[in-house]
Each structure stands twice: as structure tokens, then as C-alpha cells.
Amino acid sequence: MSRAGLLLTIGCGFVSPGQGRPERRRRLAVAARAMAATEDEQQRIRVDGNPVADPDKAAASPKRAPAGGRGQGPARLRAPISAGVAAGAGVGARAGDVGGAGAGAGGAAAKRVVRRRRSPLGEDRGVKRTEDEKALAMKRLKAKAAAPVVSRLCASIADACTRDEHKVARASFEELKAVAGTGGTPPATVFEDMLGLYLRLRMPSSAEGVFVDLMAAGHAPTEEVCWNLLETFENAGEKTCAEKVLAYMESRGMS
């Protein structure tokens, strides 16, 4: 039997309903309710993980409230905070810090922001390219990679043509065509220098090959180059080659 029930039984034994005073019965009932409340409080503290060593001592000597907590009562009258409630409060505080004011423990988590990186060329990588666009982009990359080699070979060819060293110029020209096959495009001035070299040295067969390479590279020979080439073929007796050059000039309105 609990102490409250024992106290009530003893009180009822000494004070009968017909003989006891009403005031004494009332005081005994109040004391029994106080003892029952104290036992409930102690039971709640044990469940929360904060057992009380001596219940009578804890009820007789209440703890002092902390300096910063105004309006707090004795320790036995304050409602205990369980570990689960404390953990939930911590989660709610963190959610409130991330999600903004008013966010509790059950609030939605903060939305993750993903920054999109853009390419240096300003193109969107998420857009699927067509086959033509892929080929054009690859050609640009190859031309950019071959640009230093093309520049060096062009300078070497120009120097060899100035000194009429056709073997050195021919070797550099063949290397330039190999680089052009990987994406580099030789400028039109290189072909014109080679044509001028072969025309001065009276080498019509080599001049014809350079003329074909010039048009294959997408360059259009000037009218002066065509007239010099036509004259060289006629002087060398290459009538077939001369007729081809003349037909080309007529198709371009040069004659």
C-alpha cells in the first residue's frame, strides 16, 4: 500500500465519519492528495532516467532555481524533460536555423542548391548536339591544337621560297599538308609562295600539283597566279594543263 493510502487509512481509523471533526478530516484528505502527487512526480522522474535517492529528502529540501530562470519552482514541482523530448527540441532548433523562422522539428529540410557550370564558349552542355555540330566542334579543336605547328611551317616555307631552296620548301610543304589533314588549314599565301617558286624555276609539274592542292584546301587562286601558271604551261609545251587552267579562268570570269 502506498504512503498516501496508509495515511488515509490511519486517519480514517482514528476519526470515524460520525465522531471526527470536519476540519481534521479535510486536513487528512489534503495531506493524502499531496503525498499522492509527490509519488506520481517521483515515478515520472524515475521513468525519465533521473532517479531520486531519497524521496523524503527530495520532497523536504527543494533545489534552488538557477540565476537566469525566473518564475521556476522547486525541483520536485518542475516537469521533467525526457531524453527523447530533448533530442526532438535539438532537431527542431537545427531545422529552424536552416529553414528559417518558424521551422520546427517536423519542418521540411532545407532545399539543396545546385550551381550549374557553364562552358567557356557559352554553350550549354545539357543540349544534345547534332552530328554536324560535333564535327564542326572537333575541327575547331584540331585547328586550335595544330595552330603553332602550322605557323612554324609557314614561316619555314616562306624563307625557303625567298632563297629558292625548293627541296627545303617541298619538305616543309609536305609536312604542312600532313598537319592540315589532322585539322589545320594552311593559309593561301603558302600556296602562292610555292607556285611562285616553281614558276621561277620552270617546274610545271610541281606547279600543277600545288595548284590542285590550293583548290582542294578551299582557296581560290588569284587572277595573277592563274595567268602566270598558264604562261608557264604554254612555254613548257603542256597544252593539256594550259587548257585546264584556261577553262578554270573562263568559269571564274578571269579571261
Protein backbone atom coordinates (compact mmCIF):
# COMPACT_ATOMS: atom_id res chain seq x y z
CA MET A 1 0.00 0.00 0.00
CA SER A 2 1.25 3.46 -0.78
CA ARG A 3 2.02 6.01 1.88
CA ALA A 4 -0.93 8.16 0.83
CA GLY A 5 -3.31 5.22 1.23
CA LEU A 6 -1.73 4.24 4.54
CA LEU A 7 -2.07 7.78 5.84
CA LEU A 8 -5.69 7.92 4.74
CA THR A 9 -6.42 4.56 6.40
CA ILE A 10 -4.81 5.64 9.68
CA GLY A 11 -6.69 8.91 9.61
CA CYS A 12 -9.94 7.17 8.97
CA GLY A 13 -9.22 4.74 11.81
CA PHE A 14 -8.77 7.50 14.36
CA VAL A 15 -11.56 9.67 13.02
CA SER A 16 -14.87 7.97 12.34
CA PRO A 17 -17.43 9.54 10.00
CA GLY A 18 -19.80 10.26 12.83
CA GLN A 19 -17.38 11.36 15.56
CA GLY A 20 -14.50 13.23 13.84
CA ARG A 21 -14.34 16.86 13.28
CA PRO A 22 -14.81 18.10 9.68
CA GLU A 23 -11.68 20.23 9.84
CA ARG A 24 -9.48 17.27 10.77
CA ARG A 25 -10.94 15.10 8.02
CA ARG A 26 -10.34 17.85 5.50
CA ARG A 27 -6.68 18.20 6.53
CA LEU A 28 -6.11 14.47 6.26
CA ALA A 29 -7.60 14.40 2.75
CA VAL A 30 -5.36 17.31 1.67
CA ALA A 31 -2.27 15.55 3.08
CA ALA A 32 -3.17 12.33 1.26
CA ARG A 33 -3.55 14.14 -2.07
CA ALA A 34 -0.19 15.90 -1.54
CA MET A 35 1.54 12.59 -0.85
CA ALA A 36 -0.06 11.00 -3.93
CA ALA A 37 1.13 13.91 -6.10
CA THR A 38 4.64 13.55 -4.70
CA GLU A 39 4.71 9.83 -5.51
CA ASP A 40 3.50 10.48 -9.08
CA GLU A 41 6.23 13.07 -9.52
CA GLN A 42 8.90 10.68 -8.25
CA GLN A 43 7.62 7.92 -10.53
CA ARG A 44 7.81 10.31 -13.53
CA ILE A 45 11.39 11.23 -12.65
CA ARG A 46 12.39 7.55 -12.50
CA VAL A 47 10.90 6.92 -15.96
CA ASP A 48 12.80 9.87 -17.42
CA GLY A 49 16.13 8.47 -16.23
CA ASN A 50 16.64 10.81 -13.20
CA PRO A 51 16.05 8.65 -10.10
CA VAL A 52 15.78 10.26 -6.65
CA ALA A 53 17.99 8.75 -3.94
CA ASP A 54 15.81 9.77 -1.01
CA PRO A 55 12.20 10.73 -1.88
CA ASP A 56 11.54 12.24 1.58
CA LYS A 57 14.68 14.36 1.43
CA ALA A 58 13.91 15.46 -2.13
CA ALA A 59 10.39 16.49 -1.11
CA ALA A 60 11.60 18.25 2.05
CA SER A 61 14.52 20.22 0.56
CA PRO A 62 13.66 21.66 -2.89
CA LYS A 63 16.51 22.75 -5.16
CA ARG A 64 17.14 26.38 -5.86
CA ALA A 65 16.20 27.75 -9.22
CA PRO A 66 19.11 28.87 -11.48
CA ALA A 67 20.00 32.54 -11.52
CA GLY A 68 18.73 33.12 -15.05
CA GLY A 69 15.46 31.20 -14.71
CA ARG A 70 12.83 33.44 -13.18
CA GLY A 71 9.50 32.07 -12.13
CA GLN A 72 10.72 28.46 -11.71
CA GLY A 73 9.52 26.45 -8.70
CA PRO A 74 11.20 23.68 -6.70
CA ALA A 75 12.79 20.74 -8.48
CA ARG A 76 10.04 18.31 -7.39
CA LEU A 77 7.33 20.53 -8.91
CA ARG A 78 9.03 21.21 -12.26
CA ALA A 79 8.03 18.94 -15.13
CA PRO A 80 11.00 16.74 -16.15
CA ILE A 81 12.31 16.76 -19.70
CA SER A 82 12.90 13.34 -21.20
CA ALA A 83 15.81 12.44 -23.43
CA GLY A 84 13.52 11.96 -26.42
CA VAL A 85 11.94 15.40 -26.00
CA ALA A 86 15.38 16.99 -25.64
CA ALA A 87 16.59 15.30 -28.82
CA GLY A 88 13.48 16.44 -30.68
CA ALA A 89 13.99 20.01 -29.47
CA GLY A 90 17.60 19.96 -30.75
CA VAL A 91 16.49 18.74 -34.16
CA GLY A 92 13.82 21.43 -34.29
CA ALA A 93 16.36 24.12 -33.45
CA ARG A 94 18.66 23.00 -36.23
CA ALA A 95 15.80 22.79 -38.70
CA GLY A 96 14.73 26.29 -37.68
CA ASP A 97 18.24 27.61 -38.26
CA VAL A 98 18.40 26.13 -41.77
CA GLY A 99 14.83 26.53 -42.93
CA GLY A 100 14.21 29.97 -41.44
CA ALA A 101 11.98 31.33 -38.68
CA GLY A 102 9.03 29.20 -37.66
CA ALA A 103 10.55 25.86 -38.70
CA GLY A 104 10.17 23.18 -36.00
CA ALA A 105 11.28 19.60 -35.51
CA GLY A 106 8.78 18.40 -38.11
CA GLY A 107 9.60 21.12 -40.63
CA ALA A 108 10.85 20.38 -44.09
CA ALA A 109 14.60 20.03 -44.62
CA ALA A 110 16.47 22.83 -46.35
CA LYS A 111 16.46 22.58 -50.14
CA ARG A 112 19.87 21.91 -51.65
CA VAL A 113 21.02 24.49 -54.17
CA VAL A 114 22.97 23.13 -57.16
CA ARG A 115 25.03 25.61 -59.15
CA ARG A 116 25.30 24.97 -62.85
CA ARG A 117 28.66 25.47 -64.50
CA ARG A 118 28.78 26.95 -67.96
CA SER A 119 31.44 26.19 -70.53
CA PRO A 120 33.93 28.93 -71.52
CA LEU A 121 32.38 29.07 -75.01
CA GLY A 122 28.98 29.92 -73.56
CA GLU A 123 27.39 26.70 -74.84
CA ASP A 124 25.01 24.66 -72.75
CA ARG A 125 26.40 21.17 -72.20
CA GLY A 126 22.96 19.82 -71.49
CA VAL A 127 21.82 20.37 -75.10
CA LYS A 128 22.40 17.40 -77.37
CA ARG A 129 24.43 18.31 -80.46
CA THR A 130 23.81 17.11 -83.97
CA GLU A 131 26.43 15.21 -85.93
CA ASP A 132 27.33 18.31 -87.97
CA GLU A 133 27.79 20.37 -84.83
CA LYS A 134 30.01 17.68 -83.32
CA ALA A 135 32.15 17.54 -86.46
CA LEU A 136 32.49 21.33 -86.54
CA ALA A 137 33.48 21.46 -82.88
CA MET A 138 36.08 18.72 -83.39
CA LYS A 139 37.51 20.56 -86.40
CA ARG A 140 37.87 23.72 -84.34
CA LEU A 141 39.66 21.86 -81.59
CA LYS A 142 42.09 20.24 -84.02
CA ALA A 143 42.77 23.55 -85.76
CA LYS A 144 43.49 25.20 -82.40
CA ALA A 145 45.88 22.41 -81.43
CA ALA A 146 47.69 22.50 -84.80
CA ALA A 147 47.96 26.31 -84.99
CA PRO A 148 51.53 26.55 -83.55
CA VAL A 149 52.85 23.87 -85.95
CA VAL A 150 51.14 25.49 -88.94
CA SER A 151 52.63 28.87 -88.09
CA ARG A 152 56.15 27.43 -87.82
CA LEU A 153 55.90 25.56 -91.12
CA CYS A 154 54.50 28.57 -92.96
CA ALA A 155 57.46 30.67 -91.83
CA SER A 156 59.89 27.95 -92.94
CA ILE A 157 58.27 27.70 -96.40
CA ALA A 158 58.31 31.47 -96.92
CA ASP A 159 62.01 31.62 -96.02
CA ALA A 160 62.91 28.71 -98.34
CA CYS A 161 60.94 30.20 -101.25
CA THR A 162 62.74 33.53 -100.83
CA ARG A 163 66.11 31.74 -101.16
CA ASP A 164 64.79 29.46 -103.98
CA GLU A 165 65.51 26.31 -101.96
CA HIS A 166 62.79 24.17 -103.48
CA LYS A 167 63.81 20.96 -101.65
CA VAL A 168 63.53 22.56 -98.21
CA ALA A 169 60.31 24.26 -99.25
CA ARG A 170 58.92 20.98 -100.61
CA ALA A 171 59.69 19.09 -97.38
CA SER A 172 58.05 21.75 -95.23
CA PHE A 173 55.08 21.86 -97.60
CA GLU A 174 54.50 18.10 -97.35
CA GLU A 175 54.70 18.29 -93.57
CA LEU A 176 52.21 21.15 -93.63
CA LYS A 177 49.76 19.08 -95.67
CA ALA A 178 50.04 16.25 -93.15
CA VAL A 179 49.23 18.66 -90.33
CA ALA A 180 46.34 20.04 -92.37
CA GLY A 181 44.95 16.52 -92.60
CA THR A 182 44.54 16.47 -88.80
CA GLY A 183 42.60 19.73 -88.68
CA GLY A 184 44.98 22.56 -89.53
CA THR A 185 44.28 24.74 -92.58
CA PRO A 186 47.29 26.31 -94.34
CA PRO A 187 46.78 29.91 -95.47
CA ALA A 188 46.54 30.79 -99.17
CA THR A 189 49.86 32.70 -99.05
CA VAL A 190 51.75 29.41 -98.62
CA PHE A 191 50.37 28.02 -101.90
CA GLU A 192 51.08 31.27 -103.70
CA ASP A 193 54.70 31.23 -102.47
CA MET A 194 55.14 27.64 -103.68
CA LEU A 195 53.58 28.44 -107.07
CA GLY A 196 55.85 31.47 -107.48
CA LEU A 197 58.88 29.32 -106.63
CA TYR A 198 58.03 26.62 -109.20
CA LEU A 199 57.16 29.16 -111.86
CA ARG A 200 60.52 30.90 -111.43
CA LEU A 201 62.37 27.58 -111.54
CA ARG A 202 60.36 26.38 -114.58
CA MET A 203 58.91 23.33 -112.82
CA PRO A 204 55.43 22.98 -114.39
CA SER A 205 54.62 19.53 -112.96
CA SER A 206 55.30 20.66 -109.39
CA ALA A 207 53.36 23.86 -110.04
CA GLU A 208 50.36 21.83 -111.25
CA GLY A 209 50.36 19.78 -108.03
CA VAL A 210 50.44 22.91 -105.87
CA PHE A 211 47.59 24.38 -107.93
CA VAL A 212 45.45 21.30 -107.24
CA ASP A 213 46.32 21.44 -103.53
CA LEU A 214 45.36 25.11 -103.46
CA MET A 215 41.85 24.44 -104.70
CA ALA A 216 41.47 21.31 -102.52
CA ALA A 217 42.22 23.43 -99.44
CA GLY A 218 39.25 25.66 -100.29
CA HIS A 219 41.26 28.65 -101.51
CA ALA A 220 40.62 30.42 -104.81
CA PRO A 221 43.76 31.32 -106.80
CA THR A 222 44.09 34.94 -107.84
CA GLU A 223 43.95 36.04 -111.45
CA GLU A 224 47.67 36.88 -111.44
CA VAL A 225 48.58 33.38 -110.28
CA CYS A 226 46.38 31.83 -112.98
CA TRP A 227 47.98 33.93 -115.77
CA ASN A 228 51.50 33.06 -114.60
CA LEU A 229 50.60 29.38 -114.41
CA LEU A 230 49.02 29.44 -117.88
CA GLU A 231 52.12 31.11 -119.33
CA THR A 232 54.39 28.53 -117.69
CA PHE A 233 52.39 25.62 -119.11
CA GLU A 234 52.39 27.13 -122.59
CA ASN A 235 56.16 27.74 -122.51
CA ALA A 236 56.76 24.18 -121.29
CA GLY A 237 54.55 22.72 -124.02
CA GLU A 238 51.99 21.41 -121.54
CA LYS A 239 48.94 22.15 -123.69
CA THR A 240 46.56 19.94 -121.69
CA CYS A 241 47.44 21.65 -118.42
CA ALA A 242 47.23 25.05 -120.10
CA GLU A 243 43.73 24.28 -121.39
CA LYS A 244 42.58 23.25 -117.90
CA VAL A 245 43.85 26.47 -116.39
CA LEU A 246 42.23 28.49 -119.16
CA ALA A 247 38.87 26.73 -118.64
CA TYR A 248 39.08 27.48 -114.94
CA MET A 249 39.76 31.15 -115.63
CA GLU A 250 36.80 31.36 -118.02
CA SER A 251 34.47 29.77 -115.42
CA ARG A 252 35.55 32.45 -112.94
CA GLY A 253 35.28 35.29 -115.44
CA MET A 254 39.06 36.00 -115.49
CA SER A 255 39.63 35.87 -119.25
